[in-house]
C-alpha cells in the first residue's frame, strides 16, 4: 500500500501562533520560531531537524526507499491524470 507523504507545513509558529521567520519540522507539519523553542535556538539547524513534539514522541523520519519513491511518482501521475 502506498502512503503519500505530507509536505504541507503550518505557516505560523506552533507555540505563539504567529507568522514570520519560522523553521519547519522534517517529520511533521509543525513550524517554530527559533526563540519560541525551549531551549531557544540561536541559529537555524543544519540538515534535517525534528521539532520538540516529534523528538518527545520518538517520531523518526522514514528513510526514502525505491518503493516510497515509486508511490510518490504514481500518486503524482494519478493526480495529473485526474486534472486532465
N, C-alpha and C. Protein backbone atom coordinates (compact mmCIF):
# COMPACT_ATOMS: atom_id res chain seq x y z
N UNK A 1 0.84 -1.18 0.00
CA UNK A 1 0.00 0.00 0.00
C UNK A 1 0.89 1.24 0.00
N UNK A 2 0.58 2.20 -0.83
CA UNK A 2 1.36 3.43 -0.92
C UNK A 2 0.80 4.47 0.03
N UNK A 3 1.70 5.15 0.71
CA UNK A 3 1.30 6.22 1.62
C UNK A 3 1.89 7.51 1.10
N UNK A 4 1.05 8.52 0.91
CA UNK A 4 1.54 9.82 0.47
C UNK A 4 2.19 10.54 1.63
N UNK A 5 3.30 11.18 1.37
CA UNK A 5 3.95 11.96 2.41
C UNK A 5 3.31 13.34 2.47
N UNK A 6 3.09 13.81 3.69
CA UNK A 6 2.50 15.14 3.87
C UNK A 6 3.62 16.17 3.77
N UNK A 7 3.46 17.14 2.90
CA UNK A 7 4.50 18.15 2.73
C UNK A 7 4.01 19.54 3.09
N UNK A 8 2.73 19.68 3.40
CA UNK A 8 2.20 20.98 3.77
C UNK A 8 2.55 21.30 5.21
N UNK A 9 3.19 22.41 5.41
CA UNK A 9 3.56 22.84 6.76
C UNK A 9 2.72 24.03 7.18
N UNK A 10 2.62 24.20 8.48
CA UNK A 10 1.97 25.38 9.02
C UNK A 10 2.73 26.61 8.54
N UNK A 11 2.03 27.73 8.40
CA UNK A 11 2.72 28.97 8.06
C UNK A 11 2.76 29.89 9.27
N UNK A 12 2.64 29.29 10.45
CA UNK A 12 2.70 30.03 11.72
C UNK A 12 3.40 29.14 12.75
N UNK A 13 3.87 29.78 13.80
CA UNK A 13 4.59 29.08 14.87
C UNK A 13 3.63 28.27 15.73
N UNK A 14 4.00 27.04 16.01
CA UNK A 14 3.20 26.14 16.85
C UNK A 14 3.02 26.70 18.26
N UNK A 15 4.00 27.45 18.76
CA UNK A 15 3.97 27.95 20.14
C UNK A 15 3.16 29.23 20.27
N UNK A 16 3.51 30.25 19.48
CA UNK A 16 2.88 31.57 19.65
C UNK A 16 1.78 31.86 18.63
N UNK A 17 1.63 30.96 17.65
CA UNK A 17 0.59 31.09 16.61
C UNK A 17 0.78 32.30 15.70
N UNK A 18 2.01 32.85 15.64
CA UNK A 18 2.31 34.00 14.79
C UNK A 18 3.16 33.55 13.60
N UNK A 19 3.08 34.30 12.50
CA UNK A 19 3.90 34.03 11.33
C UNK A 19 5.27 34.64 11.47
N UNK A 20 5.96 34.76 10.38
CA UNK A 20 7.29 35.35 10.39
C UNK A 20 8.32 34.33 9.93
N UNK A 21 9.54 34.50 10.38
CA UNK A 21 10.62 33.59 10.01
C UNK A 21 10.56 32.37 10.92
N UNK A 22 10.16 31.24 10.33
CA UNK A 22 9.97 30.01 11.09
C UNK A 22 10.77 28.88 10.48
N UNK A 23 11.08 27.88 11.31
CA UNK A 23 11.73 26.68 10.80
C UNK A 23 10.70 25.56 10.75
N UNK A 24 10.85 24.68 9.78
CA UNK A 24 9.88 23.62 9.55
C UNK A 24 10.43 22.28 10.02
N UNK A 25 9.60 21.54 10.72
CA UNK A 25 9.97 20.20 11.15
C UNK A 25 10.03 19.29 9.92
N UNK A 26 11.02 18.42 9.86
CA UNK A 26 11.15 17.50 8.74
C UNK A 26 10.34 16.22 8.92
N UNK A 27 9.68 16.06 10.07
CA UNK A 27 8.91 14.85 10.30
C UNK A 27 7.42 15.08 10.50
N UNK A 28 7.00 16.33 10.59
CA UNK A 28 5.57 16.64 10.75
C UNK A 28 5.30 18.04 10.18
N UNK A 29 4.06 18.50 10.17
CA UNK A 29 3.75 19.81 9.57
C UNK A 29 4.01 21.01 10.47
N UNK A 30 4.52 20.79 11.67
CA UNK A 30 4.70 21.91 12.61
C UNK A 30 5.84 22.84 12.19
N UNK A 31 5.73 24.08 12.65
CA UNK A 31 6.76 25.10 12.38
C UNK A 31 6.96 25.92 13.65
N UNK A 32 8.15 26.48 13.81
CA UNK A 32 8.51 27.19 15.05
C UNK A 32 9.41 28.37 14.76
N UNK A 33 9.29 29.43 15.59
CA UNK A 33 10.30 30.49 15.63
C UNK A 33 11.46 29.94 16.46
N UNK A 34 12.66 30.34 16.13
CA UNK A 34 13.83 29.90 16.90
C UNK A 34 13.70 30.28 18.37
N UNK A 35 13.16 31.48 18.63
CA UNK A 35 13.06 31.97 20.01
C UNK A 35 11.93 31.31 20.79
N UNK A 36 11.00 30.67 20.11
CA UNK A 36 9.88 30.02 20.79
C UNK A 36 10.21 28.60 21.24
N UNK A 37 11.32 28.06 20.76
CA UNK A 37 11.72 26.72 21.18
C UNK A 37 12.31 26.76 22.58
N UNK A 38 12.20 25.67 23.31
CA UNK A 38 12.74 25.58 24.67
C UNK A 38 13.64 24.36 24.75
N UNK A 39 14.95 24.53 24.75
CA UNK A 39 15.68 25.79 24.80
C UNK A 39 15.67 26.52 23.44
N UNK A 40 15.75 27.82 23.54
CA UNK A 40 15.77 28.70 22.36
C UNK A 40 16.99 28.39 21.49
N UNK A 41 16.82 28.42 20.18
CA UNK A 41 17.94 28.22 19.27
C UNK A 41 18.45 29.57 18.78
N UNK A 42 19.76 29.67 18.64
CA UNK A 42 20.35 30.92 18.17
C UNK A 42 20.42 30.98 16.65
N UNK A 43 20.49 29.82 16.00
CA UNK A 43 20.56 29.79 14.55
C UNK A 43 19.82 28.57 14.03
N UNK A 44 19.46 28.64 12.76
CA UNK A 44 18.73 27.54 12.13
C UNK A 44 19.60 26.30 12.08
N UNK A 45 19.08 25.16 12.52
CA UNK A 45 19.86 23.92 12.48
C UNK A 45 20.17 23.52 11.04
N UNK A 46 21.34 22.93 10.84
CA UNK A 46 21.71 22.44 9.51
C UNK A 46 21.19 21.02 9.35
N UNK A 47 20.86 20.67 8.14
CA UNK A 47 20.40 19.32 7.87
C UNK A 47 18.96 19.12 8.31
N UNK A 48 18.58 17.86 8.48
CA UNK A 48 17.22 17.54 8.87
C UNK A 48 17.02 17.86 10.34
N UNK A 49 15.82 18.38 10.67
CA UNK A 49 15.52 18.79 12.04
C UNK A 49 14.12 18.29 12.41
N UNK A 50 14.00 17.73 13.61
CA UNK A 50 12.71 17.32 14.14
C UNK A 50 12.33 18.22 15.30
N UNK A 51 11.07 18.61 15.35
CA UNK A 51 10.57 19.52 16.38
C UNK A 51 10.52 18.83 17.75
N UNK A 52 10.34 19.61 18.83
CA UNK A 52 10.27 19.02 20.17
C UNK A 52 9.15 17.98 20.31
N UNK A 53 8.02 18.19 19.64
CA UNK A 53 6.93 17.23 19.71
C UNK A 53 7.38 15.87 19.15
N UNK A 54 7.98 15.90 17.97
CA UNK A 54 8.44 14.66 17.34
C UNK A 54 9.56 14.01 18.15
N UNK A 55 10.46 14.82 18.66
CA UNK A 55 11.55 14.29 19.49
C UNK A 55 10.99 13.62 20.74
N UNK A 56 9.98 14.25 21.37
CA UNK A 56 9.37 13.71 22.58
C UNK A 56 8.59 12.44 22.33
N UNK A 57 7.99 12.34 21.17
CA UNK A 57 7.20 11.16 20.81
C UNK A 57 8.07 10.05 20.21
N UNK A 58 9.31 10.37 19.93
CA UNK A 58 10.20 9.38 19.32
C UNK A 58 9.90 9.14 17.85
N UNK A 59 9.26 10.13 17.20
CA UNK A 59 8.93 10.00 15.78
C UNK A 59 10.21 10.22 14.98
N UNK A 60 10.44 9.35 14.03
CA UNK A 60 11.61 9.49 13.18
C UNK A 60 11.17 9.56 11.74
N UNK A 61 11.87 10.36 10.98
CA UNK A 61 11.58 10.44 9.55
C UNK A 61 11.97 9.13 8.90
N UNK A 62 11.09 8.63 8.05
CA UNK A 62 11.39 7.40 7.36
C UNK A 62 12.39 7.68 6.25
N UNK A 63 13.32 6.77 6.11
CA UNK A 63 14.28 6.89 5.02
C UNK A 63 13.55 6.61 3.71
N UNK A 64 13.84 7.39 2.70
CA UNK A 64 13.26 7.13 1.39
C UNK A 64 13.82 5.82 0.85
N UNK A 65 12.97 5.05 0.27
CA UNK A 65 13.43 3.86 -0.43
C UNK A 65 12.79 3.86 -1.82
N UNK A 66 13.15 2.91 -2.63
CA UNK A 66 12.66 2.87 -4.00
C UNK A 66 11.15 2.73 -4.05
N UNK A 67 10.57 1.96 -3.12
CA UNK A 67 9.12 1.77 -3.10
C UNK A 67 8.41 3.09 -2.81
N UNK A 68 8.89 3.84 -1.82
CA UNK A 68 8.27 5.12 -1.50
C UNK A 68 8.38 6.07 -2.67
N UNK A 69 9.52 6.10 -3.34
CA UNK A 69 9.70 6.97 -4.50
C UNK A 69 8.72 6.57 -5.60
N UNK A 70 8.53 5.28 -5.83
CA UNK A 70 7.58 4.79 -6.82
C UNK A 70 6.16 5.25 -6.45
N UNK A 71 5.82 5.14 -5.17
CA UNK A 71 4.48 5.55 -4.71
C UNK A 71 4.25 7.03 -4.98
N UNK A 72 5.26 7.85 -4.71
CA UNK A 72 5.12 9.29 -4.94
C UNK A 72 4.92 9.56 -6.42
N UNK A 73 5.67 8.87 -7.27
CA UNK A 73 5.53 9.07 -8.71
C UNK A 73 4.16 8.65 -9.19
N UNK A 74 3.67 7.51 -8.73
CA UNK A 74 2.36 7.01 -9.13
C UNK A 74 1.28 7.98 -8.67
N UNK A 75 1.39 8.46 -7.43
CA UNK A 75 0.39 9.39 -6.90
C UNK A 75 0.40 10.68 -7.70
N UNK A 76 1.57 11.17 -8.06
CA UNK A 76 1.67 12.40 -8.84
C UNK A 76 1.05 12.21 -10.21
N UNK A 77 1.37 11.11 -10.86
CA UNK A 77 0.81 10.84 -12.18
C UNK A 77 -0.71 10.68 -12.12
N UNK A 78 -1.21 10.04 -11.07
CA UNK A 78 -2.66 9.88 -10.90
C UNK A 78 -3.33 11.24 -10.70
N UNK A 79 -2.70 12.10 -9.93
CA UNK A 79 -3.24 13.43 -9.69
C UNK A 79 -3.29 14.22 -10.98
N UNK A 80 -2.26 14.12 -11.79
CA UNK A 80 -2.21 14.85 -13.06
C UNK A 80 -3.26 14.31 -14.01
N UNK A 81 -3.45 13.00 -14.04
CA UNK A 81 -4.45 12.41 -14.91
C UNK A 81 -5.86 12.88 -14.53
N UNK A 82 -6.11 13.01 -13.24
CA UNK A 82 -7.43 13.46 -12.77
C UNK A 82 -7.71 14.89 -13.18
N UNK A 83 -6.67 15.69 -13.35
CA UNK A 83 -6.85 17.09 -13.73
C UNK A 83 -7.14 17.25 -15.22
N UNK A 84 -6.81 16.25 -15.99
CA UNK A 84 -6.99 16.35 -17.46
C UNK A 84 -8.40 16.18 -17.87
